[in-house]
Amino acid sequence: MPSRPDADDPRLGDISEGRILQAILSRTVQGTHTLLGPGDDAAVIATPSGSVVATTDTLVHGPDFRLAWSSGYDLGWKAAAVNLADVAAMGARPTALLVALAVPRDLRLSFVEQLADGFREACAALAPGCAVVGGDLTVSDVLTVAVTALGDLEGRAPVTRSGARPGDVVAVAGELGHAAHGLAVLFGRFREDGVPVPVDPSKLATGERAALSAQLRPSPPIGLGAVAAFTGATAMMDVSDGLALDARRMAAASGVTIALDGAALGDDPERAIAGGEDHALLATFPEGLLPPGFRIIGEVRSAGDEDLLCDDRPVDVSGWDPYRDWDSVSG
């Protein structure tokens, strides 16, 4: 996006909250399920089934993103996508997002305009009919984006992570390991003296471009959450912290062992198992009920000594931990 003269792109600390909100709200759209959108004390969302799924997630500058690497558009898209994936993982269709922003005074208005554009276009691409319907705005030294997502189960029971049964197949929809590859590219190639620097697209190979897109603008298969639920998924969850950690969580919640097939995990099984932030959908199905869009990567067994196996060997990878040192990320 071309830079704008400072007079046309003021610092947020130099203008009113009303002007900031007007810039954001002018970029929102009316969602299919919205009865009353931004502008009142609360939004009103239609829930035909009477069952609402709600989830929340926060992105903080530092542990979750770096402004040297993420544009406002990237950040808005990603903040929407990661929340939409949690709704989809329950077998629901996303209906609305509530966004709370804590922004530094010296941030430019154009950044929050791009942020709003990212939210709008991510919803349109990943969950048509869903939209931002309200939120909050405050000042902070650290840029923080907190999102609450709502979804409709359409009369179905939620698909939890605790329903996997011995004999089920383990399947995934979406990519595994690509976002971790993108993060490794950022840390390995776009830092100087440990400080992040903007990405130079001319230095990227085709595979690296795709990996960076998976990290900065993930595109989870949101619509397949409801498809999985309708087909008969016994358990499901969003792979946000890496397949190893999330599959262990599913196995522990279900009281089973999950056995993965390394050959089904792609060209880099280690990265597929350890990498986080892909936001693929991990699900289990009775044999013979696999819906289109999912691929089998293993099986559910009766509980044994290990929650998680890969090629019949224990998996010792722990998965993504937001409290660890980011500088430990490597290629």
C-alpha atoms as a PDB file:
ATOM      1  CA  MET A   1       0.000   0.000   0.000  1.00  0.00           C
ATOM      2  CA  PRO A   2       1.556   3.395  -0.978  1.00  0.00           C
ATOM      3  CA  SER A   3       2.551   5.675   1.879  1.00  0.00           C
ATOM      4  CA  ARG A   4       0.367   8.682   2.590  1.00  0.00           C
ATOM      5  CA  PRO A   5       1.439  12.182   3.643  1.00  0.00           C
ATOM      6  CA  ASP A   6       1.456  12.530   7.425  1.00  0.00           C
ATOM      7  CA  ALA A   7      -1.423  15.030   7.278  1.00  0.00           C
ATOM      8  CA  ASP A   8      -3.573  12.380   5.613  1.00  0.00           C
ATOM      9  CA  ASP A   9      -2.269   9.595   7.822  1.00  0.00           C
ATOM     10  CA  PRO A  10      -2.169  11.067  11.349  1.00  0.00           C
ATOM     11  CA  ARG A  11      -0.778   9.387  14.436  1.00  0.00           C
ATOM     12  CA  LEU A  12      -3.578   7.881  16.494  1.00  0.00           C
ATOM     13  CA  GLY A  13      -2.517   9.987  19.475  1.00  0.00           C
ATOM     14  CA  ASP A  14      -3.232  13.144  17.493  1.00  0.00           C
ATOM     15  CA  ILE A  15      -6.861  12.369  16.603  1.00  0.00           C
ATOM     16  CA  SER A  16     -10.031  11.452  18.451  1.00  0.00           C
ATOM     17  CA  GLU A  17     -11.356   8.010  19.275  1.00  0.00           C
ATOM     18  CA  GLY A  18     -14.388   8.872  17.171  1.00  0.00           C
ATOM     19  CA  ARG A  19     -12.298   9.423  14.059  1.00  0.00           C
ATOM     20  CA  ILE A  20     -10.412   6.168  14.591  1.00  0.00           C
ATOM     21  CA  LEU A  21     -13.650   4.256  15.034  1.00  0.00           C
ATOM     22  CA  GLN A  22     -15.165   5.922  11.972  1.00  0.00           C
ATOM     23  CA  ALA A  23     -12.171   4.771   9.913  1.00  0.00           C
ATOM     24  CA  ILE A  24     -12.657   1.209  11.139  1.00  0.00           C
ATOM     25  CA  LEU A  25     -16.447   1.062  10.913  1.00  0.00           C
ATOM     26  CA  SER A  26     -16.443   2.450   7.385  1.00  0.00           C
ATOM     27  CA  ARG A  27     -14.616  -0.744   6.418  1.00  0.00           C
ATOM     28  CA  THR A  28     -17.001  -3.216   8.049  1.00  0.00           C
ATOM     29  CA  VAL A  29     -19.929  -4.902   6.345  1.00  0.00           C
ATOM     30  CA  GLN A  30     -23.287  -6.194   7.573  1.00  0.00           C
ATOM     31  CA  GLY A  31     -22.973  -9.901   8.319  1.00  0.00           C
ATOM     32  CA  THR A  32     -25.659 -12.366   7.281  1.00  0.00           C
ATOM     33  CA  HIS A  33     -26.453 -13.127  10.933  1.00  0.00           C
ATOM     34  CA  THR A  34     -26.247  -9.543  12.204  1.00  0.00           C
ATOM     35  CA  LEU A  35     -29.471  -8.071  13.559  1.00  0.00           C
ATOM     36  CA  LEU A  36     -27.748  -5.075  15.155  1.00  0.00           C
ATOM     37  CA  GLY A  37     -24.133  -4.230  14.393  1.00  0.00           C
ATOM     38  CA  PRO A  38     -21.596  -1.693  15.644  1.00  0.00           C
ATOM     39  CA  GLY A  39     -22.792   1.530  17.284  1.00  0.00           C
ATOM     40  CA  ASP A  40     -24.838   0.405  20.285  1.00  0.00           C
ATOM     41  CA  ASP A  41     -23.885  -1.033  23.685  1.00  0.00           C
ATOM     42  CA  ALA A  42     -23.870  -4.577  22.272  1.00  0.00           C
ATOM     43  CA  ALA A  43     -24.410  -6.381  19.009  1.00  0.00           C
ATOM     44  CA  VAL A  44     -27.405  -8.632  18.379  1.00  0.00           C
ATOM     45  CA  ILE A  45     -26.753 -11.818  16.397  1.00  0.00           C
ATOM     46  CA  ALA A  46     -29.385 -14.194  15.014  1.00  0.00           C
ATOM     47  CA  THR A  47     -28.958 -17.781  16.238  1.00  0.00           C
ATOM     48  CA  PRO A  48     -31.523 -19.932  14.433  1.00  0.00           C
ATOM     49  CA  SER A  49     -30.482 -23.096  16.267  1.00  0.00           C
ATOM     50  CA  GLY A  50     -30.413 -21.495  19.702  1.00  0.00           C
ATOM     51  CA  SER A  51     -26.855 -22.804  20.265  1.00  0.00           C
ATOM     52  CA  VAL A  52     -23.967 -20.332  20.195  1.00  0.00           C
ATOM     53  CA  VAL A  53     -20.277 -21.254  20.073  1.00  0.00           C
ATOM     54  CA  ALA A  54     -17.986 -18.575  21.523  1.00  0.00           C
ATOM     55  CA  THR A  55     -14.190 -18.381  21.585  1.00  0.00           C
ATOM     56  CA  THR A  56     -11.556 -15.699  22.099  1.00  0.00           C
ATOM     57  CA  ASP A  57      -7.906 -15.224  21.181  1.00  0.00           C
ATOM     58  CA  THR A  58      -5.385 -12.421  21.669  1.00  0.00           C
ATOM     59  CA  LEU A  59      -2.469 -11.398  19.456  1.00  0.00           C
ATOM     60  CA  VAL A  60       0.213  -9.293  21.179  1.00  0.00           C
ATOM     61  CA  HIS A  61       3.114  -7.532  19.490  1.00  0.00           C
ATOM     62  CA  GLY A  62       6.237  -9.480  20.395  1.00  0.00           C
ATOM     63  CA  PRO A  63       5.194 -13.036  21.166  1.00  0.00           C
ATOM     64  CA  ASP A  64       2.509 -13.296  18.460  1.00  0.00           C
ATOM     65  CA  PHE A  65       3.589 -10.992  15.623  1.00  0.00           C
ATOM     66  CA  ARG A  66       6.210  -8.422  14.663  1.00  0.00           C
ATOM     67  CA  LEU A  67       5.309  -5.199  12.874  1.00  0.00           C
ATOM     68  CA  ALA A  68       8.476  -5.443  10.771  1.00  0.00           C
ATOM     69  CA  TRP A  69       7.004  -8.585   9.223  1.00  0.00           C
ATOM     70  CA  SER A  70       3.236  -8.073   9.394  1.00  0.00           C
ATOM     71  CA  SER A  71       1.244  -5.301   7.744  1.00  0.00           C
ATOM     72  CA  GLY A  72      -2.009  -4.118   9.249  1.00  0.00           C
ATOM     73  CA  TYR A  73      -3.823  -6.180   6.617  1.00  0.00           C
ATOM     74  CA  ASP A  74      -1.819  -9.297   7.511  1.00  0.00           C
ATOM     75  CA  LEU A  75      -2.591  -8.839  11.193  1.00  0.00           C
ATOM     76  CA  GLY A  76      -6.323  -8.325  10.643  1.00  0.00           C
ATOM     77  CA  TRP A  77      -6.510 -11.369   8.383  1.00  0.00           C
ATOM     78  CA  LYS A  78      -4.593 -13.589  10.804  1.00  0.00           C
ATOM     79  CA  ALA A  79      -6.533 -12.426  13.870  1.00  0.00           C
ATOM     80  CA  ALA A  80      -9.763 -13.308  12.076  1.00  0.00           C
ATOM     81  CA  ALA A  81      -8.508 -16.637  10.746  1.00  0.00           C
ATOM     82  CA  VAL A  82      -7.239 -18.039  14.038  1.00  0.00           C
ATOM     83  CA  ASN A  83     -10.561 -17.328  15.735  1.00  0.00           C
ATOM     84  CA  LEU A  84     -12.670 -18.611  12.864  1.00  0.00           C
ATOM     85  CA  ALA A  85     -10.689 -21.868  13.038  1.00  0.00           C
ATOM     86  CA  ASP A  86     -11.636 -22.385  16.687  1.00  0.00           C
ATOM     87  CA  VAL A  87     -15.320 -21.978  15.840  1.00  0.00           C
ATOM     88  CA  ALA A  88     -14.999 -24.392  12.913  1.00  0.00           C
ATOM     89  CA  ALA A  89     -13.269 -26.935  15.157  1.00  0.00           C
ATOM     90  CA  MET A  90     -16.470 -27.208  17.206  1.00  0.00           C
ATOM     91  CA  GLY A  91     -18.431 -28.054  14.068  1.00  0.00           C
ATOM     92  CA  ALA A  92     -20.073 -24.620  13.936  1.00  0.00           C
ATOM     93  CA  ARG A  93     -20.423 -21.957  11.245  1.00  0.00           C
ATOM     94  CA  PRO A  94     -18.868 -18.604  12.247  1.00  0.00           C
ATOM     95  CA  THR A  95     -21.412 -15.781  12.489  1.00  0.00           C
ATOM     96  CA  ALA A  96     -19.704 -12.755  14.080  1.00  0.00           C
ATOM     97  CA  LEU A  97     -16.461 -11.313  15.436  1.00  0.00           C
ATOM     98  CA  LEU A  98     -15.963  -8.791  18.255  1.00  0.00           C
ATOM     99  CA  VAL A  99     -12.599  -7.008  18.113  1.00  0.00           C
ATOM    100  CA  ALA A 100     -10.864  -5.160  20.954  1.00  0.00           C
ATOM    101  CA  LEU A 101      -7.828  -3.074  20.000  1.00  0.00           C
ATOM    102  CA  ALA A 102      -5.187  -1.655  22.338  1.00  0.00           C
ATOM    103  CA  VAL A 103      -3.085   0.654  20.170  1.00  0.00           C
ATOM    104  CA  PRO A 104      -0.014   2.867  20.676  1.00  0.00           C
ATOM    105  CA  ARG A 105      -0.533   6.607  20.203  1.00  0.00           C
ATOM    106  CA  ASP A 106       2.128   6.844  17.483  1.00  0.00           C
ATOM    107  CA  LEU A 107       0.533   4.182  15.272  1.00  0.00           C
ATOM    108  CA  ARG A 108      -0.787   5.604  11.990  1.00  0.00           C
ATOM    109  CA  LEU A 109      -4.467   5.683  11.079  1.00  0.00           C
ATOM    110  CA  SER A 110      -3.680   3.838   7.843  1.00  0.00           C
ATOM    111  CA  PHE A 111      -2.543   0.847   9.878  1.00  0.00           C
ATOM    112  CA  VAL A 112      -5.905   0.384  11.588  1.00  0.00           C
ATOM    113  CA  GLU A 113      -7.635   0.942   8.250  1.00  0.00           C
ATOM    114  CA  GLN A 114      -5.572  -1.898   6.802  1.00  0.00           C
ATOM    115  CA  LEU A 115      -6.343  -3.960   9.905  1.00  0.00           C
ATOM    116  CA  ALA A 116     -10.071  -3.501   9.343  1.00  0.00           C
ATOM    117  CA  ASP A 117      -9.648  -4.421   5.664  1.00  0.00           C
ATOM    118  CA  GLY A 118      -7.853  -7.617   6.678  1.00  0.00           C
ATOM    119  CA  PHE A 119     -10.677  -8.601   9.026  1.00  0.00           C
ATOM    120  CA  ARG A 120     -13.328  -7.907   6.410  1.00  0.00           C
ATOM    121  CA  GLU A 121     -11.628  -9.768   3.587  1.00  0.00           C
ATOM    122  CA  ALA A 122     -10.641 -12.767   5.735  1.00  0.00           C
ATOM    123  CA  CYS A 123     -14.271 -13.185   6.776  1.00  0.00           C
ATOM    124  CA  ALA A 124     -15.425 -12.872   3.176  1.00  0.00           C
ATOM    125  CA  ALA A 125     -12.912 -15.447   1.948  1.00  0.00           C
ATOM    126  CA  LEU A 126     -12.983 -17.953   4.807  1.00  0.00           C
ATOM    127  CA  ALA A 127     -16.448 -17.610   6.368  1.00  0.00           C
ATOM    128  CA  PRO A 128     -18.879 -15.785   4.058  1.00  0.00           C
ATOM    129  CA  GLY A 129     -21.650 -14.113   6.033  1.00  0.00           C
ATOM    130  CA  CYS A 130     -19.502 -13.609   9.127  1.00  0.00           C
ATOM    131  CA  ALA A 131     -18.443 -10.041   9.967  1.00  0.00           C
ATOM    132  CA  VAL A 132     -17.053  -7.782  12.675  1.00  0.00           C
ATOM    133  CA  VAL A 133     -20.079  -6.551  14.646  1.00  0.00           C
ATOM    134  CA  GLY A 134     -18.463  -4.507  17.418  1.00  0.00           C
ATOM    135  CA  GLY A 135     -15.626  -4.293  19.902  1.00  0.00           C
ATOM    136  CA  ASP A 136     -13.562  -1.844  21.928  1.00  0.00           C
ATOM    137  CA  LEU A 137     -10.691   0.597  21.440  1.00  0.00           C
ATOM    138  CA  THR A 138      -8.135   1.757  23.996  1.00  0.00           C
ATOM    139  CA  VAL A 139      -4.545   3.023  24.250  1.00  0.00           C
ATOM    140  CA  SER A 140      -1.548   0.863  25.095  1.00  0.00           C
ATOM    141  CA  ASP A 141       2.208   0.936  24.651  1.00  0.00           C
ATOM    142  CA  VAL A 142       1.942  -2.577  23.175  1.00  0.00           C
ATOM    143  CA  LEU A 143      -0.248  -3.208  20.135  1.00  0.00           C
ATOM    144  CA  THR A 144      -2.773  -5.881  21.102  1.00  0.00           C
ATOM    145  CA  VAL A 145      -5.644  -7.371  19.113  1.00  0.00           C
ATOM    146  CA  ALA A 146      -8.203  -9.406  21.078  1.00  0.00           C
ATOM    147  CA  VAL A 147     -10.959 -11.153  19.147  1.00  0.00           C
ATOM    148  CA  THR A 148     -14.098 -12.963  20.272  1.00  0.00           C
ATOM    149  CA  ALA A 149     -15.712 -15.181  17.651  1.00  0.00           C
ATOM    150  CA  LEU A 150     -19.261 -16.522  17.691  1.00  0.00           C
ATOM    151  CA  GLY A 151     -20.691 -19.440  15.742  1.00  0.00           C
ATOM    152  CA  ASP A 152     -23.951 -21.277  15.117  1.00  0.00           C
ATOM    153  CA  LEU A 153     -24.209 -25.054  15.526  1.00  0.00           C
ATOM    154  CA  GLU A 154     -27.316 -25.137  13.305  1.00  0.00           C
ATOM    155  CA  GLY A 155     -29.051 -27.612  15.572  1.00  0.00           C
ATOM    156  CA  ARG A 156     -26.126 -30.039  15.798  1.00  0.00           C
ATOM    157  CA  ALA A 157     -24.311 -31.091  18.961  1.00  0.00           C
ATOM    158  CA  PRO A 158     -20.816 -29.594  19.248  1.00  0.00           C
ATOM    159  CA  VAL A 159     -17.877 -31.756  18.203  1.00  0.00           C
ATOM    160  CA  THR A 160     -15.463 -31.774  21.151  1.00  0.00           C
ATOM    161  CA  ARG A 161     -11.934 -33.085  21.459  1.00  0.00           C
ATOM    162  CA  SER A 162     -13.047 -35.837  23.861  1.00  0.00           C
ATOM    163  CA  GLY A 163     -15.041 -38.129  21.546  1.00  0.00           C
ATOM    164  CA  ALA A 164     -12.325 -40.083  19.701  1.00  0.00           C
ATOM    165  CA  ARG A 165     -12.893 -43.851  19.916  1.00  0.00           C
ATOM    166  CA  PRO A 166     -10.659 -46.858  19.239  1.00  0.00           C
ATOM    167  CA  GLY A 167     -11.090 -47.887  15.612  1.00  0.00           C
ATOM    168  CA  ASP A 168     -11.670 -44.330  14.357  1.00  0.00           C
ATOM    169  CA  VAL A 169      -9.427 -42.930  11.658  1.00  0.00           C
ATOM    170  CA  VAL A 170      -7.425 -39.780  12.407  1.00  0.00           C
ATOM    171  CA  ALA A 171      -7.668 -37.185   9.644  1.00  0.00           C
ATOM    172  CA  VAL A 172      -6.663 -33.616   8.911  1.00  0.00           C
ATOM    173  CA  ALA A 173      -7.955 -30.858   6.637  1.00  0.00           C
ATOM    174  CA  GLY A 174      -5.471 -28.132   5.777  1.00  0.00           C
ATOM    175  CA  GLU A 175      -1.694 -27.953   5.732  1.00  0.00           C
ATOM    176  CA  LEU A 176       0.779 -29.064   8.395  1.00  0.00           C
ATOM    177  CA  GLY A 177       4.201 -27.515   8.946  1.00  0.00           C
ATOM    178  CA  HIS A 178       3.956 -24.678   6.423  1.00  0.00           C
ATOM    179  CA  ALA A 179       3.458 -21.906   8.994  1.00  0.00           C
ATOM    180  CA  ALA A 180       6.434 -23.191  11.005  1.00  0.00           C
ATOM    181  CA  HIS A 181       8.510 -23.104   7.823  1.00  0.00           C
ATOM    182  CA  GLY A 182       7.438 -19.496   7.296  1.00  0.00           C
ATOM    183  CA  LEU A 183       8.423 -18.557  10.837  1.00  0.00           C
ATOM    184  CA  ALA A 184      11.816 -20.183  10.359  1.00  0.00           C
ATOM    185  CA  VAL A 185      12.316 -18.143   7.159  1.00  0.00           C
ATOM    186  CA  LEU A 186      11.486 -14.923   9.009  1.00  0.00           C
ATOM    187  CA  PHE A 187      13.850 -15.634  11.888  1.00  0.00           C
ATOM    188  CA  GLY A 188      16.577 -17.066   9.716  1.00  0.00           C
ATOM    189  CA  ARG A 189      16.575 -14.577   6.850  1.00  0.00           C
ATOM    190  CA  PHE A 190      14.975 -11.312   7.917  1.00  0.00           C
ATOM    191  CA  ARG A 191      16.764 -10.171  11.046  1.00  0.00           C
ATOM    192  CA  GLU A 192      19.803  -7.968  11.491  1.00  0.00           C
ATOM    193  CA  ASP A 193      21.633  -8.156  14.809  1.00  0.00           C
ATOM    194  CA  GLY A 194      18.616  -9.976  16.187  1.00  0.00           C
ATOM    195  CA  VAL A 195      16.171  -7.228  15.160  1.00  0.00           C
ATOM    196  CA  PRO A 196      13.398  -8.052  12.641  1.00  0.00           C
ATOM    197  CA  VAL A 197      13.654  -6.263   9.284  1.00  0.00           C
ATOM    198  CA  PRO A 198      11.028  -6.073   6.500  1.00  0.00           C
ATOM    199  CA  VAL A 199      10.756  -9.028   4.164  1.00  0.00           C
ATOM    200  CA  ASP A 200      12.398  -8.592   0.750  1.00  0.00           C
ATOM    201  CA  PRO A 201      10.191 -10.625  -1.646  1.00  0.00           C
ATOM    202  CA  SER A 202      12.997 -10.802  -4.208  1.00  0.00           C
ATOM    203  CA  LYS A 203      14.958 -13.031  -1.832  1.00  0.00           C
ATOM    204  CA  LEU A 204      12.210 -15.631  -1.534  1.00  0.00           C
ATOM    205  CA  ALA A 205      11.882 -18.886  -3.432  1.00  0.00           C
ATOM    206  CA  THR A 206       8.397 -20.013  -4.455  1.00  0.00           C
ATOM    207  CA  GLY A 207       8.120 -22.438  -1.554  1.00  0.00           C
ATOM    208  CA  GLU A 208       9.216 -19.770   0.884  1.00  0.00           C
ATOM    209  CA  ARG A 209       6.553 -17.361  -0.396  1.00  0.00           C
ATOM    210  CA  ALA A 210       3.886 -19.977   0.259  1.00  0.00           C
ATOM    211  CA  ALA A 211       5.307 -20.660   3.713  1.00  0.00           C
ATOM    212  CA  LEU A 212       5.293 -16.968   4.626  1.00  0.00           C
ATOM    213  CA  SER A 213       1.699 -16.688   3.443  1.00  0.00           C
ATOM    214  CA  ALA A 214       0.769 -19.640   5.689  1.00  0.00           C
ATOM    215  CA  GLN A 215       2.411 -17.888   8.642  1.00  0.00           C
ATOM    216  CA  LEU A 216       1.240 -14.308   8.069  1.00  0.00           C
ATOM    217  CA  ARG A 217      -2.134 -14.907   6.369  1.00  0.00           C
ATOM    218  CA  PRO A 218      -3.290 -18.434   7.249  1.00  0.00           C
ATOM    219  CA  SER A 219      -6.276 -19.816   5.335  1.00  0.00           C
ATOM    220  CA  PRO A 220      -7.787 -22.600   7.447  1.00  0.00           C
ATOM    221  CA  PRO A 221     -10.531 -24.747   5.864  1.00  0.00           C
ATOM    222  CA  ILE A 222     -13.272 -23.112   7.936  1.00  0.00           C
ATOM    223  CA  GLY A 223     -16.221 -24.509   6.011  1.00  0.00           C
ATOM    224  CA  LEU A 224     -15.031 -28.083   6.538  1.00  0.00           C
ATOM    225  CA  GLY A 225     -15.705 -27.858  10.284  1.00  0.00           C
ATOM    226  CA  ALA A 226     -19.458 -27.992   9.729  1.00  0.00           C
ATOM    227  CA  VAL A 227     -18.985 -30.615   7.007  1.00  0.00           C
ATOM    228  CA  ALA A 228     -17.056 -32.830   9.431  1.00  0.00           C
ATOM    229  CA  ALA A 229     -19.732 -32.444  12.092  1.00  0.00           C
ATOM    230  CA  PHE A 230     -22.514 -33.283   9.636  1.00  0.00           C
ATOM    231  CA  THR A 231     -20.588 -36.337   8.386  1.00  0.00           C
ATOM    232  CA  GLY A 232     -20.173 -37.728  11.888  1.00  0.00           C
ATOM    233  CA  ALA A 233     -16.811 -36.610  13.259  1.00  0.00           C
ATOM    234  CA  THR A 234     -16.336 -38.061  16.739  1.00  0.00           C
ATOM    235  CA  ALA A 235     -13.723 -35.506  17.832  1.00  0.00           C
ATOM    236  CA  MET A 236     -12.178 -32.383  16.325  1.00  0.00           C
ATOM    237  CA  MET A 237      -9.856 -29.512  17.177  1.00  0.00           C
ATOM    238  CA  ASP A 238      -7.865 -26.695  15.613  1.00  0.00           C
ATOM    239  CA  VAL A 239      -4.164 -27.469  15.159  1.00  0.00           C
ATOM    240  CA  SER A 240      -2.784 -24.202  16.518  1.00  0.00           C
ATOM    241  CA  ASP A 241       0.099 -25.373  18.723  1.00  0.00           C
ATOM    242  CA  GLY A 242       1.443 -28.135  16.503  1.00  0.00           C
ATOM    243  CA  LEU A 243       0.179 -31.597  15.658  1.00  0.00           C
ATOM    244  CA  ALA A 244       2.165 -33.239  18.470  1.00  0.00           C
ATOM    245  CA  LEU A 245       0.764 -31.092  21.256  1.00  0.00           C
ATOM    246  CA  ASP A 246      -2.786 -30.881  19.921  1.00  0.00           C
ATOM    247  CA  ALA A 247      -3.075 -34.590  19.083  1.00  0.00           C
ATOM    248  CA  ARG A 248      -1.871 -35.342  22.615  1.00  0.00           C
ATOM    249  CA  ARG A 249      -4.585 -33.078  23.978  1.00  0.00           C
ATOM    250  CA  MET A 250      -7.208 -34.926  21.952  1.00  0.00           C
ATOM    251  CA  ALA A 251      -5.871 -38.304  23.034  1.00  0.00           C
ATOM    252  CA  ALA A 252      -5.811 -37.318  26.702  1.00  0.00           C
ATOM    253  CA  ALA A 253      -9.317 -35.836  26.574  1.00  0.00           C
ATOM    254  CA  SER A 254     -10.665 -38.951  24.838  1.00  0.00           C
ATOM    255  CA  GLY A 255      -8.752 -41.487  26.927  1.00  0.00           C
ATOM    256  CA  VAL A 256      -7.145 -43.112  23.863  1.00  0.00           C
ATOM    257  CA  THR A 257      -3.851 -43.400  22.005  1.00  0.00           C
ATOM    258  CA  ILE A 258      -3.475 -41.612  18.682  1.00  0.00           C
ATOM    259  CA  ALA A 259      -1.121 -43.376  16.282  1.00  0.00           C
ATOM    260  CA  LEU A 260       0.138 -41.306  13.344  1.00  0.00           C
ATOM    261  CA  ASP A 261       1.489 -42.573  10.036  1.00  0.00           C
ATOM    262  CA  GLY A 262       4.671 -40.667   9.240  1.00  0.00           C
ATOM    263  CA  ALA A 263       4.336 -41.346   5.504  1.00  0.00           C
ATOM    264  CA  ALA A 264       0.996 -39.512   5.513  1.00  0.00           C
ATOM    265  CA  LEU A 265       2.485 -36.323   6.954  1.00  0.00           C
ATOM    266  CA  GLY A 266       4.096 -34.992   3.780  1.00  0.00           C
ATOM    267  CA  ASP A 267       7.663 -34.343   2.709  1.00  0.00           C
ATOM    268  CA  ASP A 268       8.763 -33.083   6.133  1.00  0.00           C
ATOM    269  CA  PRO A 269       7.039 -35.199   8.822  1.00  0.00           C
ATOM    270  CA  GLU A 270       9.147 -33.692  11.605  1.00  0.00           C
ATOM    271  CA  ARG A 271       8.040 -30.162  10.792  1.00  0.00           C
ATOM    272  CA  ALA A 272       4.441 -31.334  10.320  1.00  0.00           C
ATOM    273  CA  ILE A 273       4.472 -32.848  13.814  1.00  0.00           C
ATOM    274  CA  ALA A 274       6.297 -30.054  15.624  1.00  0.00           C
ATOM    275  CA  GLY A 275       5.202 -26.899  13.808  1.00  0.00           C
ATOM    276  CA  GLY A 276       2.424 -24.654  15.076  1.00  0.00           C
ATOM    277  CA  GLU A 277       0.001 -22.035  13.732  1.00  0.00           C
ATOM    278  CA  ASP A 278      -1.224 -23.949  10.686  1.00  0.00           C
ATOM    279  CA  HIS A 279      -4.789 -23.953  12.050  1.00  0.00           C
ATOM    280  CA  ALA A 280      -5.633 -27.141  10.197  1.00  0.00           C
ATOM    281  CA  LEU A 281      -8.588 -29.162  11.464  1.00  0.00           C
ATOM    282  CA  LEU A 282      -7.662 -32.421  13.218  1.00  0.00           C
ATOM    283  CA  ALA A 283     -10.587 -34.822  13.432  1.00  0.00           C
ATOM    284  CA  THR A 284     -11.481 -38.445  14.036  1.00  0.00           C
ATOM    285  CA  PHE A 285     -14.165 -40.342  12.106  1.00  0.00           C
ATOM    286  CA  PRO A 286     -15.636 -43.808  12.160  1.00  0.00           C
ATOM    287  CA  GLU A 287     -13.968 -45.852   9.429  1.00  0.00           C
ATOM    288  CA  GLY A 288     -15.687 -45.292   6.084  1.00  0.00           C
ATOM    289  CA  LEU A 289     -17.132 -41.863   6.906  1.00  0.00           C
ATOM    290  CA  LEU A 290     -14.271 -39.613   5.788  1.00  0.00           C
ATOM    291  CA  PRO A 291     -15.682 -36.453   4.100  1.00  0.00           C
ATOM    292  CA  PRO A 292     -14.039 -34.758   1.092  1.00  0.00           C
ATOM    293  CA  GLY A 293     -11.304 -32.318   2.104  1.00  0.00           C
ATOM    294  CA  PHE A 294      -9.930 -34.533   4.880  1.00  0.00           C
ATOM    295  CA  ARG A 295      -7.048 -36.991   4.491  1.00  0.00           C
ATOM    296  CA  ILE A 296      -6.205 -39.876   6.817  1.00  0.00           C
ATOM    297  CA  ILE A 297      -2.985 -39.519   8.828  1.00  0.00           C
ATOM    298  CA  GLY A 298      -3.423 -42.242  11.442  1.00  0.00           C
ATOM    299  CA  GLU A 299      -5.744 -44.227  13.643  1.00  0.00           C
ATOM    300  CA  VAL A 300      -7.203 -44.206  17.144  1.00  0.00           C
ATOM    301  CA  ARG A 301      -6.205 -47.076  19.421  1.00  0.00           C
ATOM    302  CA  SER A 302      -7.158 -48.113  22.919  1.00  0.00           C
ATOM    303  CA  ALA A 303      -5.236 -46.229  25.589  1.00  0.00           C
ATOM    304  CA  GLY A 304      -1.701 -47.465  26.116  1.00  0.00           C
ATOM    305  CA  ASP A 305       1.463 -46.240  27.782  1.00  0.00           C
ATOM    306  CA  GLU A 306       1.746 -43.324  25.328  1.00  0.00           C
ATOM    307  CA  ASP A 307      -0.886 -40.797  24.269  1.00  0.00           C
ATOM    308  CA  LEU A 308       0.779 -40.233  20.892  1.00  0.00           C
ATOM    309  CA  LEU A 309       2.755 -42.466  18.549  1.00  0.00           C
ATOM    310  CA  CYS A 310       4.220 -41.969  15.100  1.00  0.00           C
ATOM    311  CA  ASP A 311       5.139 -45.112  13.182  1.00  0.00           C
ATOM    312  CA  ASP A 312       4.593 -46.983  16.471  1.00  0.00           C
ATOM    313  CA  ARG A 313       7.259 -44.953  18.278  1.00  0.00           C
ATOM    314  CA  PRO A 314       6.624 -42.391  21.060  1.00  0.00           C
ATOM    315  CA  VAL A 315       6.678 -38.773  19.904  1.00  0.00           C
ATOM    316  CA  ASP A 316       8.958 -36.622  22.058  1.00  0.00           C
ATOM    317  CA  VAL A 317       8.143 -33.272  20.409  1.00  0.00           C
ATOM    318  CA  SER A 318       6.226 -30.942  22.742  1.00  0.00           C
ATOM    319  CA  GLY A 319       4.813 -28.417  20.258  1.00  0.00           C
ATOM    320  CA  TRP A 320       4.560 -24.632  20.180  1.00  0.00           C
ATOM    321  CA  ASP A 321       4.833 -22.771  23.500  1.00  0.00           C
ATOM    322  CA  PRO A 322       4.230 -18.983  23.417  1.00  0.00           C
ATOM    323  CA  TYR A 323       6.266 -18.556  26.619  1.00  0.00           C
ATOM    324  CA  ARG A 324       9.487 -19.912  25.176  1.00  0.00           C
ATOM    325  CA  ASP A 325      12.174 -17.628  23.751  1.00  0.00           C
ATOM    326  CA  TRP A 326      11.298 -16.691  20.170  1.00  0.00           C
ATOM    327  CA  ASP A 327      14.979 -16.625  19.380  1.00  0.00           C
ATOM    328  CA  SER A 328      15.010 -20.414  19.736  1.00  0.00           C
ATOM    329  CA  VAL A 329      13.070 -20.656  16.464  1.00  0.00           C
ATOM    330  CA  SER A 330      15.303 -22.022  13.738  1.00  0.00           C
ATOM    331  CA  GLY A 331      15.070 -23.441  10.283  1.00  0.00           C
END
